[in-house]
Protein backbone atom coordinates (compact mmCIF):
# COMPACT_ATOMS: atom_id res chain seq x y z
CA MET A 1 1.35 8.42 6.47
CA ALA A 2 -0.68 10.71 4.25
CA GLU A 3 -3.64 12.60 5.64
CA HIS A 4 -6.60 10.32 6.14
CA ASP A 5 -9.92 9.97 7.92
CA ALA A 6 -8.96 8.77 11.39
CA LYS A 7 -12.43 7.44 12.14
CA LEU A 8 -12.35 5.20 9.08
CA LEU A 9 -8.87 3.95 9.94
CA GLN A 10 -9.93 3.28 13.52
CA ARG A 11 -12.82 1.03 12.47
CA PRO A 12 -13.04 0.85 8.66
CA MET A 13 -15.93 -1.60 8.65
CA PRO A 14 -18.28 -3.32 11.06
CA PRO A 15 -16.67 -6.35 12.74
CA GLU A 16 -19.38 -8.69 11.47
CA GLU A 17 -18.54 -7.83 7.83
CA PRO A 18 -16.10 -10.19 6.13
CA HIS A 19 -12.66 -8.70 5.61
CA HIS A 20 -9.42 -9.88 4.05
CA TYR A 21 -6.85 -7.93 6.09
CA THR A 22 -6.30 -7.01 9.72
CA TRP A 23 -6.34 -3.26 8.97
CA GLN A 24 -9.92 -3.57 7.76
CA ALA A 25 -10.91 -4.43 11.33
CA GLY A 26 -9.02 -1.45 12.74
CA GLY A 27 -5.86 -3.37 13.55
CA VAL A 28 -3.37 -0.67 12.54
CA HIS A 29 -5.02 2.29 14.26
CA LYS A 30 -2.96 1.69 17.42
CA PHE A 31 0.31 2.29 15.53
CA PHE A 32 -0.65 5.87 14.69
CA TYR A 33 -3.08 6.84 17.46
CA THR A 34 -1.99 6.07 21.01
CA ASN A 35 -3.34 9.16 22.73
CA TYR A 36 -5.94 7.43 24.86
CA ALA A 37 -7.53 10.72 25.94
CA ASN A 38 -8.30 11.45 22.29
CA PRO A 39 -8.20 8.33 20.09
CA LEU A 40 -8.57 10.46 16.94
CA GLN A 41 -5.41 12.53 17.60
CA MET A 42 -2.46 11.19 15.66
CA THR A 43 0.69 10.85 17.77
CA ALA A 44 3.03 11.49 14.83
CA PRO A 45 2.71 14.29 12.28
CA PHE A 46 1.37 13.60 8.80
CA VAL A 47 4.03 13.33 6.12
CA GLY A 48 3.60 16.05 3.54
CA GLY A 49 4.88 16.46 0.02
CA PHE A 50 3.37 13.37 -1.50
CA GLU A 51 -0.01 12.10 -2.54
CA ILE A 52 -1.32 8.56 -2.79
CA THR A 53 -2.89 8.59 -6.25
CA ARG A 54 -3.50 4.96 -7.20
CA LEU A 55 -4.41 1.78 -5.36
CA TRP A 56 -4.87 -1.84 -6.37
CA ASP A 57 -5.60 -4.99 -4.42
CA GLU A 58 -6.63 -8.46 -5.51
CA HIS A 59 -9.72 -7.82 -3.36
CA ARG A 60 -11.14 -4.72 -5.02
CA GLY A 61 -13.30 -3.94 -1.99
CA ALA A 62 -10.17 -3.57 0.15
CA ALA A 63 -8.69 -1.08 -2.33
CA GLU A 64 -11.98 0.84 -2.41
CA MET A 65 -12.01 0.96 1.38
CA ALA A 66 -8.42 2.19 1.48
CA SER A 67 -9.35 4.90 -1.02
CA ARG A 68 -12.18 6.01 1.29
CA VAL A 69 -9.74 6.19 4.22
CA PHE A 70 -7.73 8.65 2.10
CA PHE A 71 -10.83 10.79 1.39
CA GLY A 72 -11.55 9.00 -1.91
CA ARG A 73 -8.61 10.67 -3.65
CA PRO A 74 -6.70 7.58 -4.84
CA ILE A 75 -8.00 5.98 -8.01
CA VAL A 76 -8.77 2.29 -7.57
CA CYS A 77 -7.09 0.55 -10.48
CA ASP A 78 -8.51 -2.48 -12.28
CA SER A 79 -5.08 -4.13 -12.54
CA PHE A 80 -1.78 -3.82 -10.76
CA GLU A 81 -0.16 -2.86 -14.07
CA ASP A 82 -2.18 0.39 -13.98
CA VAL A 83 -0.81 1.44 -10.57
CA SER A 84 2.51 2.47 -12.10
CA ASP A 85 0.98 4.83 -14.70
CA ASP A 86 1.72 8.54 -14.18
CA VAL A 87 3.35 8.13 -10.75
CA ASP A 88 6.80 8.83 -9.32
CA LEU A 89 6.93 5.84 -7.00
CA VAL A 90 5.25 2.46 -6.61
CA PHE A 91 4.94 0.92 -3.16
CA VAL A 92 4.45 -2.85 -3.06
CA ALA A 93 3.08 -3.63 0.40
CA ASP A 94 2.40 -7.17 1.43
CA CYS A 95 3.32 -7.67 5.06
CA ASN A 96 0.72 -10.40 5.66
CA PHE A 97 2.24 -12.86 3.21
CA ASP A 98 5.58 -14.37 2.20
CA GLY A 99 6.60 -12.14 -0.72
CA ALA A 100 5.93 -14.81 -3.34
CA ASP A 101 4.08 -12.27 -5.49
CA HIS A 102 6.52 -9.36 -5.11
CA LEU A 103 8.37 -10.03 -8.36
CA LYS A 104 5.07 -10.12 -10.24
CA LEU A 105 3.78 -6.94 -8.54
CA ALA A 106 7.03 -4.98 -8.94
CA THR A 107 7.60 -5.89 -12.60
CA PRO A 108 5.23 -3.40 -14.33
CA GLY A 109 6.58 -0.33 -12.54
CA LEU A 110 10.22 -1.39 -12.83
CA THR A 111 9.76 -2.14 -16.53
CA LYS A 112 8.33 1.38 -16.97
CA GLY A 113 11.31 2.85 -15.08
CA VAL A 114 9.28 3.87 -12.03
CA ALA A 115 11.10 3.77 -8.72
CA THR A 116 9.58 0.92 -6.71
CA PHE A 117 9.75 0.23 -2.99
CA VAL A 118 9.11 -3.41 -2.15
CA ASP A 119 8.07 -4.01 1.46
CA LYS A 120 9.36 -6.92 3.48
CA PRO A 121 10.01 -9.56 2.63
CA PHE A 122 11.69 -8.26 -0.51
CA ALA A 123 11.18 -11.59 -2.27
CA ASP A 124 10.57 -15.22 -1.44
CA SER A 125 13.79 -16.48 -3.01
CA VAL A 126 17.24 -15.31 -4.02
CA PRO A 127 16.49 -15.74 -7.76
CA ALA A 128 13.35 -13.58 -7.42
CA ALA A 129 15.32 -10.91 -5.53
CA ARG A 130 17.97 -10.90 -8.26
CA GLU A 131 15.30 -10.56 -10.95
CA ILE A 132 13.72 -7.56 -9.17
CA LEU A 133 17.13 -5.87 -9.01
CA LYS A 134 17.83 -6.70 -12.68
CA LEU A 135 14.47 -5.25 -13.76
CA GLY A 136 15.17 -2.08 -11.81
CA ARG A 137 18.56 -1.59 -13.45
CA ARG A 138 17.26 -2.46 -16.93
CA GLY A 139 14.27 -0.12 -16.66
CA GLY A 140 16.30 2.72 -15.16
CA ALA A 141 14.48 2.62 -11.84
CA ALA A 142 17.57 1.68 -9.81
């Protein structure tokens, strides 16, 4: 994980505020911070050599919150097509759903020839998985 504000990841927003994802309620903090004597000490080192530069989410507020967790550095994009501009890698993360939108989300970056990592599930059907692979080969991202 890139460097981030541990306090914001621990409890990104008050519990009474509406949120769309479990991480917005602090649900992922336990995966990175299990030192109970110091809950702000990460138990694994930060990964260096990369920077998260762009974010998009269908709920713009979630993308803005994620940007704040990463010290406001990532640009919050107005569309998912913009996420693949001027980057070396696109990461399509969607672990709370079934992957039905992964083809749609991966298409802009793959079409531009940007390497794209698609989180599990890769796709929701064999035809969609084949299309993602075809786009990657055609765009030069594979």
